[in-house]
PDB file of N, CA and C in Angstrom:
ATOM      1  N   MET A   1      -2.641   7.263  -7.693  1.00  0.00           N
ATOM      2  CA  MET A   1      -1.536   6.401  -7.404  1.00  0.00           C
ATOM      3  C   MET A   1      -1.519   5.278  -8.430  1.00  0.00           C
ATOM      4  N   ASN A   2      -0.327   4.938  -8.825  1.00  0.00           N
ATOM      5  CA  ASN A   2      -0.175   3.912  -9.842  1.00  0.00           C
ATOM      6  C   ASN A   2       0.776   2.842  -9.324  1.00  0.00           C
ATOM      7  N   PHE A   3       0.208   1.750  -8.820  1.00  0.00           N
ATOM      8  CA  PHE A   3       1.008   0.660  -8.309  1.00  0.00           C
ATOM      9  C   PHE A   3       1.164  -0.415  -9.375  1.00  0.00           C
ATOM     10  N   ASN A   4       2.320  -1.076  -9.360  1.00  0.00           N
ATOM     11  CA  ASN A   4       2.557  -2.185 -10.281  1.00  0.00           C
ATOM     12  C   ASN A   4       1.469  -3.233 -10.122  1.00  0.00           C
ATOM     13  N   ASN A   5       1.178  -3.943 -11.193  1.00  0.00           N
ATOM     14  CA  ASN A   5       0.218  -5.051 -11.201  1.00  0.00           C
ATOM     15  C   ASN A   5      -1.183  -4.636 -10.761  1.00  0.00           C
ATOM     16  N   ASN A   6      -1.522  -3.362 -10.929  1.00  0.00           N
ATOM     17  CA  ASN A   6      -2.832  -2.853 -10.506  1.00  0.00           C
ATOM     18  C   ASN A   6      -3.131  -3.141  -9.038  1.00  0.00           C
ATOM     19  N   LEU A   7      -2.074  -3.188  -8.239  1.00  0.00           N
ATOM     20  CA  LEU A   7      -2.229  -3.510  -6.822  1.00  0.00           C
ATOM     21  C   LEU A   7      -3.071  -2.476  -6.089  1.00  0.00           C
ATOM     22  N   GLY A   8      -3.074  -1.246  -6.572  1.00  0.00           N
ATOM     23  CA  GLY A   8      -3.871  -0.200  -5.943  1.00  0.00           C
ATOM     24  C   GLY A   8      -5.357  -0.459  -5.982  1.00  0.00           C
ATOM     25  N   ASP A   9      -5.790  -1.297  -6.907  1.00  0.00           N
ATOM     26  CA  ASP A   9      -7.210  -1.617  -7.048  1.00  0.00           C
ATOM     27  C   ASP A   9      -7.620  -2.866  -6.278  1.00  0.00           C
ATOM     28  N   LYS A  10      -6.735  -3.353  -5.411  1.00  0.00           N
ATOM     29  CA  LYS A  10      -7.036  -4.541  -4.616  1.00  0.00           C
ATOM     30  C   LYS A  10      -7.311  -4.144  -3.172  1.00  0.00           C
ATOM     31  N   ALA A  11      -8.164  -4.914  -2.521  1.00  0.00           N
ATOM     32  CA  ALA A  11      -8.495  -4.667  -1.118  1.00  0.00           C
ATOM     33  C   ALA A  11      -7.250  -4.847  -0.256  1.00  0.00           C
ATOM     34  N   ILE A  12      -7.122  -4.003   0.766  1.00  0.00           N
ATOM     35  CA  ILE A  12      -5.946  -4.045   1.632  1.00  0.00           C
ATOM     36  C   ILE A  12      -5.771  -5.428   2.262  1.00  0.00           C
ATOM     37  N   SER A  13      -6.853  -6.111   2.581  1.00  0.00           N
ATOM     38  CA  SER A  13      -6.722  -7.448   3.175  1.00  0.00           C
ATOM     39  C   SER A  13      -6.077  -8.427   2.192  1.00  0.00           C
ATOM     40  N   ASP A  14      -6.421  -8.319   0.914  1.00  0.00           N
ATOM     41  CA  ASP A  14      -5.818  -9.176  -0.109  1.00  0.00           C
ATOM     42  C   ASP A  14      -4.350  -8.821  -0.323  1.00  0.00           C
ATOM     43  N   VAL A  15      -4.054  -7.522  -0.298  1.00  0.00           N
ATOM     44  CA  VAL A  15      -2.670  -7.069  -0.455  1.00  0.00           C
ATOM     45  C   VAL A  15      -1.819  -7.621   0.682  1.00  0.00           C
ATOM     46  N   MET A  16      -2.314  -7.522   1.919  1.00  0.00           N
ATOM     47  CA  MET A  16      -1.559  -7.987   3.084  1.00  0.00           C
ATOM     48  C   MET A  16      -1.365  -9.501   3.055  1.00  0.00           C
ATOM     49  N   GLN A  17      -2.345 -10.201   2.544  1.00  0.00           N
ATOM     50  CA  GLN A  17      -2.231 -11.653   2.449  1.00  0.00           C
ATOM     51  C   GLN A  17      -1.138 -12.053   1.458  1.00  0.00           C
ATOM     52  N   SER A  18      -1.073 -11.354   0.341  1.00  0.00           N
ATOM     53  CA  SER A  18      -0.091 -11.676  -0.695  1.00  0.00           C
ATOM     54  C   SER A  18       1.274 -11.045  -0.449  1.00  0.00           C
ATOM     55  N   TYR A  19       1.280  -9.857   0.139  1.00  0.00           N
ATOM     56  CA  TYR A  19       2.516  -9.095   0.307  1.00  0.00           C
ATOM     57  C   TYR A  19       2.577  -8.477   1.706  1.00  0.00           C
ATOM     58  N   PRO A  20       2.790  -9.271   2.741  1.00  0.00           N
ATOM     59  CA  PRO A  20       2.787  -8.714   4.098  1.00  0.00           C
ATOM     60  C   PRO A  20       3.844  -7.629   4.326  1.00  0.00           C
ATOM     61  N   GLU A  21       4.900  -7.646   3.541  1.00  0.00           N
ATOM     62  CA  GLU A  21       5.947  -6.632   3.691  1.00  0.00           C
ATOM     63  C   GLU A  21       5.441  -5.224   3.367  1.00  0.00           C
ATOM     64  N   ILE A  22       4.396  -5.120   2.560  1.00  0.00           N
ATOM     65  CA  ILE A  22       3.823  -3.812   2.241  1.00  0.00           C
ATOM     66  C   ILE A  22       3.243  -3.178   3.507  1.00  0.00           C
ATOM     67  N   GLY A  23       2.808  -3.989   4.431  1.00  0.00           N
ATOM     68  CA  GLY A  23       2.338  -3.471   5.714  1.00  0.00           C
ATOM     69  C   GLY A  23       3.422  -2.718   6.455  1.00  0.00           C
ATOM     70  N   ASP A  24       4.657  -3.185   6.354  1.00  0.00           N
ATOM     71  CA  ASP A  24       5.779  -2.488   6.990  1.00  0.00           C
ATOM     72  C   ASP A  24       6.000  -1.117   6.359  1.00  0.00           C
ATOM     73  N   ILE A  25       5.868  -1.064   5.043  1.00  0.00           N
ATOM     74  CA  ILE A  25       6.024   0.222   4.341  1.00  0.00           C
ATOM     75  C   ILE A  25       4.946   1.190   4.812  1.00  0.00           C
ATOM     76  N   LEU A  26       3.699   0.741   4.833  1.00  0.00           N
ATOM     77  CA  LEU A  26       2.599   1.611   5.251  1.00  0.00           C
ATOM     78  C   LEU A  26       2.746   2.036   6.711  1.00  0.00           C
ATOM     79  N   SER A  27       3.190   1.135   7.549  1.00  0.00           N
ATOM     80  CA  SER A  27       3.348   1.452   8.976  1.00  0.00           C
ATOM     81  C   SER A  27       4.368   2.556   9.200  1.00  0.00           C
ATOM     82  N   ARG A  28       5.392   2.610   8.377  1.00  0.00           N
ATOM     83  CA  ARG A  28       6.401   3.679   8.511  1.00  0.00           C
ATOM     84  C   ARG A  28       5.795   5.061   8.297  1.00  0.00           C
ATOM     85  N   TYR A  29       4.655   5.108   7.648  1.00  0.00           N
ATOM     86  CA  TYR A  29       3.961   6.377   7.393  1.00  0.00           C
ATOM     87  C   TYR A  29       2.712   6.503   8.275  1.00  0.00           C
ATOM     88  N   ASP A  30       2.680   5.744   9.356  1.00  0.00           N
ATOM     89  CA  ASP A  30       1.570   5.766  10.326  1.00  0.00           C
ATOM     90  C   ASP A  30       0.227   5.381   9.714  1.00  0.00           C
ATOM     91  N   ILE A  31       0.267   4.480   8.758  1.00  0.00           N
ATOM     92  CA  ILE A  31      -0.964   3.932   8.189  1.00  0.00           C
ATOM     93  C   ILE A  31      -1.142   2.544   8.790  1.00  0.00           C
ATOM     94  N   GLY A  32      -2.095   2.427   9.701  1.00  0.00           N
ATOM     95  CA  GLY A  32      -2.293   1.186  10.420  1.00  0.00           C
ATOM     96  C   GLY A  32      -3.418   0.330   9.881  1.00  0.00           C
ATOM     97  N   CYS A  33      -3.854   0.598   8.689  1.00  0.00           N
ATOM     98  CA  CYS A  33      -4.990  -0.129   8.107  1.00  0.00           C
ATOM     99  C   CYS A  33      -4.684  -1.590   7.826  1.00  0.00           C
ATOM    100  N   THR A  34      -3.452  -1.948   7.902  1.00  0.00           N
ATOM    101  CA  THR A  34      -3.081  -3.323   7.558  1.00  0.00           C
ATOM    102  C   THR A  34      -3.640  -4.344   8.535  1.00  0.00           C
ATOM    103  N   THR A  35      -4.040  -3.916   9.720  1.00  0.00           N
ATOM    104  CA  THR A  35      -4.601  -4.844  10.706  1.00  0.00           C
ATOM    105  C   THR A  35      -6.125  -4.786  10.756  1.00  0.00           C
ATOM    106  N   CYS A  36      -6.726  -4.024   9.874  1.00  0.00           N
ATOM    107  CA  CYS A  36      -8.178  -3.883   9.854  1.00  0.00           C
ATOM    108  C   CYS A  36      -8.832  -5.240   9.626  1.00  0.00           C
ATOM    109  N   LYS A  37      -9.857  -5.526  10.402  1.00  0.00           N
ATOM    110  CA  LYS A  37     -10.553  -6.811  10.272  1.00  0.00           C
ATOM    111  C   LYS A  37     -11.525  -6.833   9.098  1.00  0.00           C
ATOM    112  N   VAL A  38     -11.960  -5.657   8.635  1.00  0.00           N
ATOM    113  CA  VAL A  38     -12.849  -5.596   7.481  1.00  0.00           C
ATOM    114  C   VAL A  38     -12.014  -5.710   6.213  1.00  0.00           C
ATOM    115  N   GLY A  39     -11.051  -4.800   6.032  1.00  0.00           N
ATOM    116  CA  GLY A  39     -10.066  -4.901   4.968  1.00  0.00           C
ATOM    117  C   GLY A  39     -10.558  -4.761   3.553  1.00  0.00           C
ATOM    118  N   ILE A  40     -11.678  -4.058   3.351  1.00  0.00           N
ATOM    119  CA  ILE A  40     -12.210  -3.953   1.989  1.00  0.00           C
ATOM    120  C   ILE A  40     -11.752  -2.694   1.252  1.00  0.00           C
ATOM    121  N   CYS A  41     -11.111  -1.759   1.961  1.00  0.00           N
ATOM    122  CA  CYS A  41     -10.628  -0.539   1.296  1.00  0.00           C
ATOM    123  C   CYS A  41      -9.530  -0.906   0.305  1.00  0.00           C
ATOM    124  N   LEU A  42      -9.529  -0.225  -0.805  1.00  0.00           N
ATOM    125  CA  LEU A  42      -8.492  -0.448  -1.813  1.00  0.00           C
ATOM    126  C   LEU A  42      -7.183   0.156  -1.343  1.00  0.00           C
ATOM    127  N   LEU A  43      -6.077  -0.457  -1.733  1.00  0.00           N
ATOM    128  CA  LEU A  43      -4.763   0.038  -1.341  1.00  0.00           C
ATOM    129  C   LEU A  43      -4.594   1.511  -1.695  1.00  0.00           C
ATOM    130  N   LYS A  44      -4.991   1.902  -2.900  1.00  0.00           N
ATOM    131  CA  LYS A  44      -4.815   3.296  -3.310  1.00  0.00           C
ATOM    132  C   LYS A  44      -5.621   4.240  -2.427  1.00  0.00           C
ATOM    133  N   ASP A  45      -6.780   3.803  -1.943  1.00  0.00           N
ATOM    134  CA  ASP A  45      -7.600   4.626  -1.064  1.00  0.00           C
ATOM    135  C   ASP A  45      -7.017   4.694   0.343  1.00  0.00           C
ATOM    136  N   VAL A  46      -6.477   3.571   0.808  1.00  0.00           N
ATOM    137  CA  VAL A  46      -5.856   3.528   2.124  1.00  0.00           C
ATOM    138  C   VAL A  46      -4.744   4.581   2.199  1.00  0.00           C
ATOM    139  N   VAL A  47      -3.982   4.692   1.141  1.00  0.00           N
ATOM    140  CA  VAL A  47      -2.891   5.669   1.131  1.00  0.00           C
ATOM    141  C   VAL A  47      -3.440   7.088   1.017  1.00  0.00           C
ATOM    142  N   SER A  48      -4.385   7.314   0.135  1.00  0.00           N
ATOM    143  CA  SER A  48      -4.832   8.687  -0.137  1.00  0.00           C
ATOM    144  C   SER A  48      -5.682   9.301   0.975  1.00  0.00           C
ATOM    145  N   ILE A  49      -6.400   8.520   1.762  1.00  0.00           N
ATOM    146  CA  ILE A  49      -7.304   9.099   2.763  1.00  0.00           C
ATOM    147  C   ILE A  49      -6.611   9.511   4.051  1.00  0.00           C
ATOM    148  N   HIS A  50      -5.336   9.263   4.177  1.00  0.00           N
ATOM    149  CA  HIS A  50      -4.650   9.568   5.429  1.00  0.00           C
ATOM    150  C   HIS A  50      -4.048  10.966   5.487  1.00  0.00           C
ATOM    151  N   GLY A  51      -4.344  11.782   4.532  1.00  0.00           N
ATOM    152  CA  GLY A  51      -3.916  13.182   4.579  1.00  0.00           C
ATOM    153  C   GLY A  51      -2.414  13.377   4.540  1.00  0.00           C
ATOM    154  N   LEU A  52      -1.724  12.478   3.884  1.00  0.00           N
ATOM    155  CA  LEU A  52      -0.275  12.610   3.751  1.00  0.00           C
ATOM    156  C   LEU A  52       0.052  13.662   2.701  1.00  0.00           C
ATOM    157  N   SER A  53       1.251  14.165   2.774  1.00  0.00           N
ATOM    158  CA  SER A  53       1.690  15.105   1.741  1.00  0.00           C
ATOM    159  C   SER A  53       1.830  14.354   0.422  1.00  0.00           C
ATOM    160  N   LYS A  54       1.792  15.096  -0.652  1.00  0.00           N
ATOM    161  CA  LYS A  54       1.976  14.483  -1.978  1.00  0.00           C
ATOM    162  C   LYS A  54       3.346  13.808  -2.062  1.00  0.00           C
ATOM    163  N   GLU A  55       4.332  14.402  -1.379  1.00  0.00           N
ATOM    164  CA  GLU A  55       5.676  13.832  -1.378  1.00  0.00           C
ATOM    165  C   GLU A  55       5.685  12.461  -0.695  1.00  0.00           C
ATOM    166  N   ASP A  56       5.002  12.358   0.464  1.00  0.00           N
ATOM    167  CA  ASP A  56       4.950  11.079   1.158  1.00  0.00           C
ATOM    168  C   ASP A  56       4.148  10.048   0.368  1.00  0.00           C
ATOM    169  N   GLU A  57       3.068  10.476  -0.261  1.00  0.00           N
ATOM    170  CA  GLU A  57       2.313   9.550  -1.109  1.00  0.00           C
ATOM    171  C   GLU A  57       3.202   9.017  -2.226  1.00  0.00           C
ATOM    172  N   ALA A  58       3.996   9.892  -2.819  1.00  0.00           N
ATOM    173  CA  ALA A  58       4.901   9.473  -3.895  1.00  0.00           C
ATOM    174  C   ALA A  58       5.970   8.524  -3.365  1.00  0.00           C
ATOM    175  N   LYS A  59       6.449   8.759  -2.150  1.00  0.00           N
ATOM    176  CA  LYS A  59       7.444   7.864  -1.553  1.00  0.00           C
ATOM    177  C   LYS A  59       6.863   6.483  -1.324  1.00  0.00           C
ATOM    178  N   ILE A  60       5.625   6.430  -0.827  1.00  0.00           N
ATOM    179  CA  ILE A  60       4.973   5.138  -0.606  1.00  0.00           C
ATOM    180  C   ILE A  60       4.816   4.401  -1.930  1.00  0.00           C
ATOM    181  N   GLU A  61       4.342   5.121  -2.926  1.00  0.00           N
ATOM    182  CA  GLU A  61       4.170   4.516  -4.256  1.00  0.00           C
ATOM    183  C   GLU A  61       5.493   3.958  -4.761  1.00  0.00           C
ATOM    184  N   ASP A  62       6.558   4.741  -4.644  1.00  0.00           N
ATOM    185  CA  ASP A  62       7.878   4.292  -5.100  1.00  0.00           C
ATOM    186  C   ASP A  62       8.363   3.080  -4.307  1.00  0.00           C
ATOM    187  N   GLU A  63       8.204   3.130  -2.988  1.00  0.00           N
ATOM    188  CA  GLU A  63       8.677   2.031  -2.153  1.00  0.00           C
ATOM    189  C   GLU A  63       7.939   0.728  -2.478  1.00  0.00           C
ATOM    190  N   ILE A  64       6.628   0.816  -2.635  1.00  0.00           N
ATOM    191  CA  ILE A  64       5.850  -0.387  -2.951  1.00  0.00           C
ATOM    192  C   ILE A  64       6.209  -0.897  -4.336  1.00  0.00           C
ATOM    193  N   ASN A  65       6.309  -0.016  -5.312  1.00  0.00           N
ATOM    194  CA  ASN A  65       6.655  -0.456  -6.668  1.00  0.00           C
ATOM    195  C   ASN A  65       8.069  -1.029  -6.721  1.00  0.00           C
ATOM    196  N   ASN A  66       9.008  -0.439  -5.976  1.00  0.00           N
ATOM    197  CA  ASN A  66      10.368  -0.981  -5.933  1.00  0.00           C
ATOM    198  C   ASN A  66      10.379  -2.362  -5.282  1.00  0.00           C
ATOM    199  N   TYR A  67       9.608  -2.513  -4.212  1.00  0.00           N
ATOM    200  CA  TYR A  67       9.489  -3.818  -3.554  1.00  0.00           C
ATOM    201  C   TYR A  67       8.952  -4.863  -4.530  1.00  0.00           C
ATOM    202  N   LEU A  68       7.890  -4.505  -5.254  1.00  0.00           N
ATOM    203  CA  LEU A  68       7.310  -5.444  -6.216  1.00  0.00           C
ATOM    204  C   LEU A  68       8.288  -5.769  -7.337  1.00  0.00           C
ATOM    205  N   ALA A  69       9.035  -4.778  -7.797  1.00  0.00           N
ATOM    206  CA  ALA A  69      10.001  -5.002  -8.867  1.00  0.00           C
ATOM    207  C   ALA A  69      11.103  -5.965  -8.399  1.00  0.00           C
ATOM    208  N   LYS A  70      11.527  -5.824  -7.154  1.00  0.00           N
ATOM    209  CA  LYS A  70      12.540  -6.733  -6.624  1.00  0.00           C
ATOM    210  C   LYS A  70      12.029  -8.162  -6.541  1.00  0.00           C
ATOM    211  N   LYS A  71      10.726  -8.310  -6.370  1.00  0.00           N
ATOM    212  CA  LYS A  71      10.115  -9.638  -6.344  1.00  0.00           C
ATOM    213  C   LYS A  71       9.851 -10.158  -7.759  1.00  0.00           C
ATOM    214  N   GLY A  72      10.161  -9.328  -8.760  1.00  0.00           N
ATOM    215  CA  GLY A  72       9.945  -9.732 -10.147  1.00  0.00           C
ATOM    216  C   GLY A  72       8.532  -9.530 -10.626  1.00  0.00           C
ATOM    217  N   GLU A  73       7.828  -8.603  -9.975  1.00  0.00           N
ATOM    218  CA  GLU A  73       6.426  -8.352 -10.349  1.00  0.00           C
ATOM    219  C   GLU A  73       6.232  -6.945 -10.847  1.00  0.00           C
TER     220      GLU A  73
END
């Protein structure tokens, strides 16, 4: 997965702190890791370990990158 600003290499807790709207995107795909109290998994791992289809993984990547682009990032 290739997220803008190397966001995929950041811990999910840091991603949620900076971009809480990404949690909404992940929730639409039944990824509930955004509320994890540990939060050390990388965003790219959170997406890949949930056994989603390659198509859904690509949709998540596109949605997150489009969201970041709209924010100017």
